[in-house]
Amino acid sequence: MENHNYYNDELFVRATLYNKMSEQNVNEVQLRPAIEFNLPYNSKVSLLISDINGRKVVTLINNKYLKKGFHFRELDFSNLPGGEYYYKIETKNNNQIKKLQLIK
C-alpha cells in the first residue's frame, strides 16, 4: 500500500482492494478487501463493520491507541453473506461512517 501523506490534515477512511500473493501458489495474486485510513493525530481508534440494521458484525480495532499516520486493516468476509454493510471509524475528535457493498 502506498502512503497517502497528502491527507495529513484530516481523517480519511476508505475501503479498497489490494493485491496479495497466494499462500498456495506463489505465481498467483489474489485481490483482498481492506480498509485504509489516515489519522491526522495520535488517538484511540475503533473501527467496526455493521450490517444494514446497525448490528455490529466485525470489530477490526477496539479502542486501540494508534499513532498519527497511515493505517491498514485487512477484511475477512468469508463468514458473512453478501449485502450492504457499513464501516465506522471513531477517534477522539471524529467519527465517519461509510457504506460497503459486499457481492458474493
Protein backbone atom coordinates (compact mmCIF):
# COMPACT_ATOMS: atom_id res chain seq x y z
CA MET A 1 0.00 0.00 0.00
CA GLU A 2 1.21 3.46 -0.70
CA ASN A 3 1.34 6.11 1.97
CA HIS A 4 -1.13 8.94 1.40
CA ASN A 5 0.79 11.82 3.02
CA TYR A 6 -1.41 14.38 1.32
CA TYR A 7 -4.22 13.56 3.81
CA ASN A 8 -2.20 14.60 6.88
CA ASP A 9 -4.62 17.34 8.00
CA GLU A 10 -7.83 15.29 8.05
CA LEU A 11 -9.24 11.93 9.00
CA PHE A 12 -9.51 9.88 5.82
CA VAL A 13 -11.00 6.38 5.55
CA ARG A 14 -11.91 4.18 2.59
CA ALA A 15 -12.50 0.59 1.57
CA THR A 16 -10.10 -0.73 -1.04
CA LEU A 17 -8.85 -3.87 -2.74
CA TYR A 18 -5.19 -4.80 -2.66
CA ASN A 19 -3.06 -7.50 -4.26
CA LYS A 20 -1.85 -10.32 -2.05
CA MET A 21 0.29 -13.24 -3.11
CA SER A 22 -1.46 -16.59 -2.78
CA GLU A 23 -0.10 -18.79 0.01
CA GLN A 24 -0.77 -21.92 -2.06
CA ASN A 25 0.65 -20.73 -5.38
CA VAL A 26 3.43 -18.10 -5.41
CA ASN A 27 2.62 -17.18 -9.04
CA GLU A 28 -1.00 -16.32 -8.19
CA VAL A 29 -2.12 -12.90 -6.95
CA GLN A 30 -5.45 -12.51 -5.15
CA LEU A 31 -7.47 -9.34 -4.64
CA ARG A 32 -8.29 -8.84 -0.94
CA PRO A 33 -10.60 -6.27 0.67
CA ALA A 34 -9.21 -3.85 3.23
CA ILE A 35 -9.93 -0.59 4.98
CA GLU A 36 -7.23 2.03 4.95
CA PHE A 37 -7.27 5.25 6.91
CA ASN A 38 -5.13 8.22 7.81
CA LEU A 39 -5.06 9.67 11.32
CA PRO A 40 -4.08 13.34 11.49
CA TYR A 41 -3.27 12.95 15.22
CA ASN A 42 -2.44 10.27 17.80
CA SER A 43 -5.70 8.83 19.13
CA LYS A 44 -7.60 5.84 20.43
CA VAL A 45 -9.42 4.31 17.47
CA SER A 46 -12.32 1.94 16.97
CA LEU A 47 -13.12 0.50 13.55
CA LEU A 48 -16.30 -1.56 13.18
CA ILE A 49 -18.34 -3.20 10.44
CA SER A 50 -22.14 -3.20 10.91
CA ASP A 51 -24.96 -4.72 8.90
CA ILE A 52 -27.78 -2.70 7.35
CA ASN A 53 -29.75 -2.90 10.62
CA GLY A 54 -26.89 -1.38 12.63
CA ARG A 55 -25.80 -4.63 14.31
CA LYS A 56 -22.03 -4.91 14.76
CA VAL A 57 -20.71 -7.89 12.77
CA VAL A 58 -16.93 -7.34 12.90
CA THR A 59 -14.65 -5.31 15.16
CA LEU A 60 -11.38 -4.57 13.37
CA ILE A 61 -9.94 -2.23 16.00
CA ASN A 62 -11.33 -1.93 19.53
CA ASN A 63 -10.41 1.38 21.20
CA LYS A 64 -6.71 0.91 20.45
CA TYR A 65 -4.19 3.75 20.69
CA LEU A 66 -2.68 4.44 17.25
CA LYS A 67 -0.09 6.97 16.18
CA LYS A 68 -0.64 9.67 13.60
CA GLY A 69 -0.29 8.42 10.03
CA PHE A 70 -1.48 5.85 7.53
CA HIS A 71 -3.05 2.56 8.74
CA PHE A 72 -4.45 -0.51 7.01
CA ARG A 73 -6.69 -3.41 8.13
CA GLU A 74 -7.42 -6.47 6.00
CA LEU A 75 -11.04 -7.67 5.95
CA ASP A 76 -12.26 -11.24 6.08
CA PHE A 77 -15.82 -11.55 4.78
CA SER A 78 -15.73 -15.33 4.34
CA ASN A 79 -18.35 -15.86 7.09
CA LEU A 80 -20.69 -13.05 6.01
CA PRO A 81 -23.38 -13.18 3.34
CA GLY A 82 -23.39 -10.67 0.51
CA GLY A 83 -25.25 -7.44 1.13
CA GLU A 84 -24.94 -3.89 2.35
CA TYR A 85 -22.63 -3.13 5.27
CA TYR A 86 -21.29 0.00 6.93
CA TYR A 87 -17.84 0.65 8.32
CA LYS A 88 -17.41 3.19 11.08
CA ILE A 89 -14.23 4.73 12.41
CA GLU A 90 -14.31 6.51 15.77
CA THR A 91 -11.48 8.68 17.14
CA LYS A 92 -11.26 11.22 19.95
CA ASN A 93 -12.21 14.07 17.57
CA ASN A 94 -14.04 12.47 14.62
CA ASN A 95 -16.43 9.75 13.51
CA GLN A 96 -17.07 8.64 9.96
CA ILE A 97 -19.50 6.06 8.57
CA LYS A 98 -19.35 4.80 5.01
CA LYS A 99 -21.28 2.21 3.04
CA LEU A 100 -19.73 -1.00 1.75
CA GLN A 101 -21.46 -3.34 -0.74
CA LEU A 102 -20.37 -6.98 -0.43
CA ILE A 103 -21.07 -9.00 -3.56
CA LYS A 104 -20.53 -12.76 -3.40
